[in-house]
Amino acid sequence: MLKRYLVDLTRRERTDLLSLFNKGIAPARTLTRARILLAADEHKTDAQIAAALHVHSATVERTRRRFVEGRAARALHEKPRPGGRPKLAPKQEAFLVALACSDAPSGRGHWTLQLLADRLVEFGVVETTSDETVRRALKKTH
């Protein structure tokens, strides 16, 4: 069966891939992809590579394809992921910080995270929120 994506590493690319193992700071995914490329350059089949590295054959195929489309940098590294949207907008965070810096309610020595979360809802800043969201927002500002 003819391979759709043939990996043919230059000497420089092979040296760069091998140096990843000597440095000891590359993520495991990057090292696995480097091993896939090195094995593919030795003309091993996808099934052989997948079995040797304990990955799915689709991972081998995808790594080959990314290499052919964009060389080693594209094959080794993923695109950044978008992540989730923030739970509090900047104005809401500013209100939270101002509230946390104000005096605690009467009868309390200090603000608790749950008290702050409850007050944000009470003042109509947000519909709902948790003490964990409050903790993360306050941690980010300090």
N, C-alpha and C. Protein backbone atom coordinates (compact mmCIF):
# COMPACT_ATOMS: atom_id res chain seq x y z
N MET A 1 0.84 -1.17 0.00
CA MET A 1 0.00 0.00 0.00
C MET A 1 0.89 1.25 0.00
N LEU A 2 0.60 2.18 -0.89
CA LEU A 2 1.37 3.41 -0.96
C LEU A 2 0.97 4.35 0.17
N LYS A 3 1.98 4.95 0.76
CA LYS A 3 1.72 5.92 1.82
C LYS A 3 1.37 7.26 1.20
N ARG A 4 0.38 7.88 1.78
CA ARG A 4 -0.06 9.16 1.26
C ARG A 4 0.89 10.28 1.68
N TYR A 5 1.41 10.18 2.89
CA TYR A 5 2.30 11.20 3.42
C TYR A 5 3.64 10.57 3.78
N LEU A 6 4.64 10.81 2.95
CA LEU A 6 5.97 10.24 3.18
C LEU A 6 6.82 11.22 3.97
N VAL A 7 7.45 10.73 5.00
CA VAL A 7 8.32 11.55 5.83
C VAL A 7 9.75 11.35 5.36
N ASP A 8 10.38 12.45 4.97
CA ASP A 8 11.77 12.41 4.54
C ASP A 8 12.49 13.54 5.28
N LEU A 9 13.13 13.19 6.38
CA LEU A 9 13.78 14.19 7.23
C LEU A 9 15.12 14.61 6.65
N THR A 10 15.42 15.89 6.75
CA THR A 10 16.75 16.36 6.41
C THR A 10 17.68 16.02 7.57
N ARG A 11 18.98 16.14 7.34
CA ARG A 11 19.93 15.87 8.42
C ARG A 11 19.68 16.81 9.60
N ARG A 12 19.42 18.05 9.26
CA ARG A 12 19.18 19.07 10.30
C ARG A 12 17.93 18.72 11.13
N GLU A 13 16.85 18.33 10.45
CA GLU A 13 15.62 17.96 11.15
C GLU A 13 15.84 16.75 12.05
N ARG A 14 16.56 15.77 11.54
CA ARG A 14 16.84 14.57 12.34
C ARG A 14 17.65 14.93 13.58
N THR A 15 18.66 15.78 13.41
CA THR A 15 19.48 16.22 14.54
C THR A 15 18.64 16.98 15.56
N ASP A 16 17.77 17.87 15.06
CA ASP A 16 16.90 18.64 15.96
C ASP A 16 15.96 17.73 16.75
N LEU A 17 15.40 16.73 16.08
CA LEU A 17 14.49 15.80 16.76
C LEU A 17 15.24 14.99 17.82
N LEU A 18 16.42 14.52 17.49
CA LEU A 18 17.21 13.75 18.46
C LEU A 18 17.64 14.60 19.64
N SER A 19 17.89 15.88 19.40
CA SER A 19 18.32 16.76 20.49
C SER A 19 17.20 17.00 21.51
N LEU A 20 15.94 16.82 21.09
CA LEU A 20 14.82 16.96 22.03
C LEU A 20 14.95 15.96 23.18
N PHE A 21 15.44 14.77 22.88
CA PHE A 21 15.57 13.72 23.90
C PHE A 21 16.70 14.01 24.87
N ASN A 22 17.74 14.69 24.40
CA ASN A 22 18.90 14.99 25.25
C ASN A 22 18.62 16.14 26.21
N LYS A 23 17.76 17.07 25.79
CA LYS A 23 17.49 18.24 26.62
C LYS A 23 16.68 17.89 27.86
N GLY A 24 15.72 16.97 27.70
CA GLY A 24 14.93 16.53 28.84
C GLY A 24 13.87 17.49 29.32
N ILE A 25 13.49 18.47 28.50
CA ILE A 25 12.48 19.43 28.94
C ILE A 25 11.25 19.46 28.04
N ALA A 26 11.24 18.66 26.99
CA ALA A 26 10.11 18.67 26.06
C ALA A 26 8.93 17.90 26.65
N PRO A 27 7.71 18.34 26.37
CA PRO A 27 6.53 17.60 26.84
C PRO A 27 6.47 16.20 26.22
N ALA A 28 5.79 15.29 26.91
CA ALA A 28 5.71 13.90 26.46
C ALA A 28 5.08 13.79 25.08
N ARG A 29 4.06 14.60 24.81
CA ARG A 29 3.42 14.55 23.48
C ARG A 29 4.40 14.91 22.38
N THR A 30 5.22 15.91 22.64
CA THR A 30 6.21 16.34 21.65
C THR A 30 7.22 15.22 21.40
N LEU A 31 7.65 14.57 22.46
CA LEU A 31 8.62 13.48 22.31
C LEU A 31 8.01 12.30 21.55
N THR A 32 6.75 12.00 21.80
CA THR A 32 6.08 10.92 21.08
C THR A 32 6.01 11.25 19.60
N ARG A 33 5.65 12.48 19.29
CA ARG A 33 5.57 12.89 17.88
C ARG A 33 6.94 12.84 17.22
N ALA A 34 7.98 13.21 17.97
CA ALA A 34 9.34 13.14 17.42
C ALA A 34 9.72 11.69 17.13
N ARG A 35 9.35 10.78 18.04
CA ARG A 35 9.63 9.35 17.81
C ARG A 35 8.89 8.84 16.58
N ILE A 36 7.66 9.31 16.40
CA ILE A 36 6.87 8.91 15.22
C ILE A 36 7.58 9.35 13.96
N LEU A 37 8.04 10.59 13.92
CA LEU A 37 8.72 11.11 12.73
C LEU A 37 10.03 10.37 12.46
N LEU A 38 10.78 10.08 13.51
CA LEU A 38 12.04 9.35 13.32
C LEU A 38 11.79 7.94 12.80
N ALA A 39 10.77 7.28 13.32
CA ALA A 39 10.45 5.93 12.85
C ALA A 39 9.90 5.97 11.42
N ALA A 40 9.11 6.98 11.12
CA ALA A 40 8.55 7.10 9.77
C ALA A 40 9.67 7.37 8.75
N ASP A 41 10.69 8.09 9.17
CA ASP A 41 11.82 8.36 8.29
C ASP A 41 12.62 7.09 8.01
N GLU A 42 12.50 6.11 8.90
CA GLU A 42 13.16 4.81 8.70
C GLU A 42 12.28 3.85 7.91
N HIS A 43 11.22 4.38 7.31
CA HIS A 43 10.30 3.64 6.43
C HIS A 43 9.53 2.53 7.14
N LYS A 44 9.24 2.74 8.42
CA LYS A 44 8.40 1.77 9.13
C LYS A 44 6.94 2.07 8.82
N THR A 45 6.11 1.05 8.89
CA THR A 45 4.69 1.23 8.60
C THR A 45 3.99 1.90 9.78
N ASP A 46 2.81 2.45 9.50
CA ASP A 46 2.03 3.08 10.57
C ASP A 46 1.72 2.08 11.67
N ALA A 47 1.39 0.85 11.29
CA ALA A 47 1.05 -0.18 12.28
C ALA A 47 2.26 -0.51 13.16
N GLN A 48 3.44 -0.60 12.56
CA GLN A 48 4.65 -0.88 13.34
C GLN A 48 4.95 0.25 14.32
N ILE A 49 4.83 1.48 13.84
CA ILE A 49 5.11 2.64 14.68
C ILE A 49 4.10 2.71 15.82
N ALA A 50 2.82 2.54 15.49
CA ALA A 50 1.76 2.61 16.50
C ALA A 50 1.96 1.55 17.58
N ALA A 51 2.31 0.34 17.17
CA ALA A 51 2.51 -0.74 18.14
C ALA A 51 3.73 -0.46 19.03
N ALA A 52 4.80 0.03 18.43
CA ALA A 52 6.03 0.27 19.18
C ALA A 52 5.87 1.41 20.18
N LEU A 53 5.09 2.43 19.81
CA LEU A 53 4.96 3.62 20.67
C LEU A 53 3.68 3.64 21.49
N HIS A 54 2.86 2.60 21.33
CA HIS A 54 1.59 2.50 22.07
C HIS A 54 0.68 3.69 21.80
N VAL A 55 0.55 4.03 20.52
CA VAL A 55 -0.38 5.08 20.10
C VAL A 55 -1.29 4.49 19.02
N HIS A 56 -2.33 5.21 18.69
CA HIS A 56 -3.25 4.75 17.66
C HIS A 56 -2.64 5.04 16.28
N SER A 57 -2.97 4.23 15.31
CA SER A 57 -2.44 4.45 13.96
C SER A 57 -2.90 5.79 13.39
N ALA A 58 -4.06 6.29 13.84
CA ALA A 58 -4.52 7.61 13.39
C ALA A 58 -3.58 8.71 13.87
N THR A 59 -2.98 8.52 15.04
CA THR A 59 -2.02 9.49 15.56
C THR A 59 -0.79 9.52 14.67
N VAL A 60 -0.35 8.36 14.23
CA VAL A 60 0.81 8.27 13.34
C VAL A 60 0.49 8.96 12.02
N GLU A 61 -0.67 8.64 11.45
CA GLU A 61 -1.08 9.25 10.17
C GLU A 61 -1.18 10.77 10.29
N ARG A 62 -1.78 11.24 11.38
CA ARG A 62 -1.96 12.69 11.58
C ARG A 62 -0.60 13.38 11.72
N THR A 63 0.33 12.75 12.42
CA THR A 63 1.66 13.34 12.59
C THR A 63 2.39 13.39 11.26
N ARG A 64 2.29 12.33 10.47
CA ARG A 64 2.89 12.33 9.13
C ARG A 64 2.32 13.47 8.28
N ARG A 65 0.98 13.58 8.30
CA ARG A 65 0.31 14.60 7.48
C ARG A 65 0.77 16.00 7.88
N ARG A 66 0.80 16.25 9.18
CA ARG A 66 1.22 17.57 9.66
C ARG A 66 2.66 17.87 9.27
N PHE A 67 3.51 16.83 9.28
CA PHE A 67 4.90 17.03 8.87
C PHE A 67 4.98 17.42 7.41
N VAL A 68 4.26 16.69 6.56
CA VAL A 68 4.30 16.97 5.11
C VAL A 68 3.73 18.36 4.82
N GLU A 69 2.69 18.75 5.56
CA GLU A 69 2.06 20.05 5.32
C GLU A 69 2.86 21.22 5.87
N GLY A 70 3.59 21.01 6.96
CA GLY A 70 4.26 22.15 7.57
C GLY A 70 5.61 21.86 8.20
N ARG A 71 6.21 20.76 7.87
CA ARG A 71 7.50 20.32 8.40
C ARG A 71 7.44 20.05 9.90
N ALA A 72 8.59 20.00 10.55
CA ALA A 72 8.68 19.50 11.92
C ALA A 72 7.94 20.37 12.94
N ALA A 73 8.03 21.67 12.81
CA ALA A 73 7.38 22.55 13.80
C ALA A 73 5.88 22.30 13.85
N ARG A 74 5.26 22.13 12.71
CA ARG A 74 3.81 21.90 12.66
C ARG A 74 3.47 20.51 13.19
N ALA A 75 4.33 19.54 12.92
CA ALA A 75 4.05 18.17 13.36
C ALA A 75 4.24 17.99 14.87
N LEU A 76 5.15 18.73 15.44
CA LEU A 76 5.47 18.53 16.86
C LEU A 76 4.55 19.29 17.81
N HIS A 77 4.05 20.44 17.38
CA HIS A 77 3.31 21.31 18.29
C HIS A 77 1.88 21.51 17.84
N GLU A 78 0.97 21.57 18.81
CA GLU A 78 -0.44 21.80 18.52
C GLU A 78 -0.71 23.29 18.40
N LYS A 79 -1.82 23.62 17.75
CA LYS A 79 -2.28 25.00 17.75
C LYS A 79 -2.78 25.33 19.15
N PRO A 80 -2.65 26.58 19.58
CA PRO A 80 -3.20 26.92 20.89
C PRO A 80 -4.72 26.74 20.91
N ARG A 81 -5.22 26.28 22.02
CA ARG A 81 -6.65 26.06 22.15
C ARG A 81 -7.30 27.32 22.72
N PRO A 82 -8.55 27.56 22.36
CA PRO A 82 -9.18 28.82 22.77
C PRO A 82 -9.49 28.93 24.26
N GLY A 83 -9.74 27.83 24.92
CA GLY A 83 -10.10 27.88 26.33
C GLY A 83 -11.52 28.36 26.53
N GLY A 84 -11.95 28.33 27.74
CA GLY A 84 -13.31 28.77 28.06
C GLY A 84 -13.38 30.28 28.19
N ARG A 85 -14.57 30.81 28.06
CA ARG A 85 -14.70 32.25 28.21
C ARG A 85 -14.73 32.58 29.71
N PRO A 86 -14.29 33.78 30.07
CA PRO A 86 -14.25 34.15 31.48
C PRO A 86 -15.64 34.20 32.10
N LYS A 87 -15.73 33.81 33.35
CA LYS A 87 -17.03 33.81 34.04
C LYS A 87 -17.41 35.21 34.50
N LEU A 88 -16.42 36.05 34.74
CA LEU A 88 -16.68 37.43 35.15
C LEU A 88 -16.05 38.39 34.14
N ALA A 89 -16.82 39.39 33.72
CA ALA A 89 -16.31 40.42 32.83
C ALA A 89 -15.38 41.34 33.63
N PRO A 90 -14.54 42.12 32.97
CA PRO A 90 -13.62 43.01 33.69
C PRO A 90 -14.33 43.96 34.67
N LYS A 91 -15.47 44.50 34.27
CA LYS A 91 -16.20 45.41 35.18
C LYS A 91 -16.72 44.66 36.40
N GLN A 92 -17.15 43.43 36.19
CA GLN A 92 -17.62 42.62 37.32
C GLN A 92 -16.47 42.28 38.26
N GLU A 93 -15.30 41.99 37.69
CA GLU A 93 -14.13 41.72 38.52
C GLU A 93 -13.73 42.96 39.32
N ALA A 94 -13.80 44.13 38.68
CA ALA A 94 -13.47 45.37 39.37
C ALA A 94 -14.42 45.60 40.54
N PHE A 95 -15.70 45.32 40.32
CA PHE A 95 -16.68 45.46 41.41
C PHE A 95 -16.35 44.49 42.54
N LEU A 96 -15.99 43.28 42.18
CA LEU A 96 -15.65 42.27 43.18
C LEU A 96 -14.44 42.70 44.02
N VAL A 97 -13.41 43.21 43.36
CA VAL A 97 -12.22 43.65 44.08
C VAL A 97 -12.56 44.81 45.02
N ALA A 98 -13.37 45.76 44.52
CA ALA A 98 -13.77 46.89 45.37
C ALA A 98 -14.57 46.40 46.57
N LEU A 99 -15.44 45.44 46.34
CA LEU A 99 -16.24 44.88 47.42
C LEU A 99 -15.36 44.17 48.44
N ALA A 100 -14.40 43.40 47.95
CA ALA A 100 -13.50 42.67 48.84
C ALA A 100 -12.61 43.61 49.66
N CYS A 101 -12.31 44.78 49.10
CA CYS A 101 -11.47 45.74 49.81
C CYS A 101 -12.27 46.60 50.80
N SER A 102 -13.58 46.55 50.69
CA SER A 102 -14.42 47.33 51.61
C SER A 102 -14.50 46.62 52.96
N ASP A 103 -15.12 47.31 53.91
CA ASP A 103 -15.29 46.72 55.24
C ASP A 103 -16.22 45.51 55.17
N ALA A 104 -15.92 44.53 55.98
CA ALA A 104 -16.75 43.32 56.03
C ALA A 104 -18.12 43.66 56.63
N PRO A 105 -19.13 42.85 56.34
CA PRO A 105 -20.46 43.11 56.92
C PRO A 105 -20.41 43.11 58.45
N SER A 106 -21.36 43.80 59.05
CA SER A 106 -21.36 43.88 60.51
C SER A 106 -21.50 42.48 61.10
N GLY A 107 -20.77 42.26 62.15
CA GLY A 107 -20.78 40.95 62.79
C GLY A 107 -19.76 39.99 62.20
N ARG A 108 -19.06 40.40 61.16
CA ARG A 108 -18.04 39.55 60.52
C ARG A 108 -16.67 40.22 60.63
N GLY A 109 -15.67 39.44 60.87
CA GLY A 109 -14.32 39.97 60.96
C GLY A 109 -13.71 40.24 59.59
N HIS A 110 -14.10 39.43 58.61
CA HIS A 110 -13.57 39.57 57.26
C HIS A 110 -14.55 38.96 56.26
N TRP A 111 -14.30 39.24 54.99
CA TRP A 111 -15.12 38.67 53.92
C TRP A 111 -14.74 37.21 53.71
N THR A 112 -15.72 36.35 53.53
CA THR A 112 -15.45 34.98 53.07
C THR A 112 -15.75 34.95 51.58
N LEU A 113 -15.24 33.97 50.91
CA LEU A 113 -15.49 33.85 49.48
C LEU A 113 -16.98 33.67 49.20
N GLN A 114 -17.64 32.89 50.03
CA GLN A 114 -19.07 32.66 49.84
C GLN A 114 -19.87 33.94 50.07
N LEU A 115 -19.49 34.73 51.07
CA LEU A 115 -20.16 36.02 51.31
C LEU A 115 -20.01 36.94 50.11
N LEU A 116 -18.80 37.00 49.55
CA LEU A 116 -18.57 37.84 48.37
C LEU A 116 -19.42 37.36 47.19
N ALA A 117 -19.47 36.06 46.98
CA ALA A 117 -20.28 35.50 45.89
C ALA A 117 -21.75 35.84 46.09
N ASP A 118 -22.23 35.70 47.32
CA ASP A 118 -23.64 36.02 47.61
C ASP A 118 -23.93 37.49 47.38
N ARG A 119 -23.00 38.37 47.75
CA ARG A 119 -23.22 39.81 47.57
C ARG A 119 -23.23 40.19 46.09
N LEU A 120 -22.40 39.54 45.28
CA LEU A 120 -22.41 39.82 43.84
C LEU A 120 -23.79 39.52 43.25
N VAL A 121 -24.38 38.43 43.69
CA VAL A 121 -25.73 38.06 43.22
C VAL A 121 -26.76 39.04 43.79
N GLU A 122 -26.61 39.35 45.05
CA GLU A 122 -27.56 40.25 45.74
C GLU A 122 -27.59 41.63 45.09
N PHE A 123 -26.42 42.15 44.71
CA PHE A 123 -26.34 43.47 44.08
C PHE A 123 -26.64 43.44 42.59
N GLY A 124 -26.91 42.27 42.05
CA GLY A 124 -27.27 42.16 40.63
C GLY A 124 -26.10 42.27 39.67
N VAL A 125 -24.90 42.07 40.18
CA VAL A 125 -23.71 42.13 39.32
C VAL A 125 -23.68 40.91 38.41
N VAL A 126 -24.06 39.76 38.94
CA VAL A 126 -24.16 38.51 38.17
C VAL A 126 -25.43 37.79 38.60
N GLU A 127 -25.89 36.90 37.72
CA GLU A 127 -27.07 36.11 38.08
C GLU A 127 -26.72 35.04 39.11
N THR A 128 -25.65 34.32 38.84
CA THR A 128 -25.15 33.30 39.77
C THR A 128 -23.63 33.29 39.70
N THR A 129 -23.02 32.88 40.78
CA THR A 129 -21.57 32.69 40.80
C THR A 129 -21.22 31.80 41.99
N SER A 130 -20.02 31.29 41.98
CA SER A 130 -19.60 30.40 43.07
C SER A 130 -18.42 31.02 43.81
N ASP A 131 -18.16 30.48 44.98
CA ASP A 131 -17.02 30.95 45.74
C ASP A 131 -15.70 30.65 45.02
N GLU A 132 -15.68 29.59 44.22
CA GLU A 132 -14.47 29.25 43.46
C GLU A 132 -14.19 30.29 42.38
N THR A 133 -15.24 30.78 41.73
CA THR A 133 -15.07 31.84 40.73
C THR A 133 -14.52 33.09 41.40
N VAL A 134 -15.05 33.41 42.57
CA VAL A 134 -14.57 34.57 43.33
C VAL A 134 -13.10 34.37 43.70
N ARG A 135 -12.76 33.18 44.16
CA ARG A 135 -11.36 32.90 44.54
C ARG A 135 -10.41 33.10 43.37
N ARG A 136 -10.78 32.56 42.22
CA ARG A 136 -9.91 32.69 41.03
C ARG A 136 -9.75 34.14 40.60
N ALA A 137 -10.85 34.88 40.63
CA ALA A 137 -10.80 36.28 40.22
C ALA A 137 -9.91 37.09 41.18
N LEU A 138 -10.05 36.84 42.46
CA LEU A 138 -9.23 37.58 43.43
C LEU A 138 -7.77 37.15 43.37
N LYS A 139 -7.52 35.89 43.12
CA LYS A 139 -6.14 35.41 43.01
C LYS A 139 -5.45 36.06 41.81
N LYS A 140 -6.21 36.24 40.74
CA LYS A 140 -5.67 36.83 39.52
C LYS A 140 -5.24 38.28 39.75
N THR A 141 -5.93 38.99 40.63
CA THR A 141 -5.64 40.41 40.84
C THR A 141 -4.52 40.65 41.84
N HIS A 142 -4.12 39.61 42.56
CA HIS A 142 -3.07 39.82 43.56
C HIS A 142 -1.79 39.24 43.08
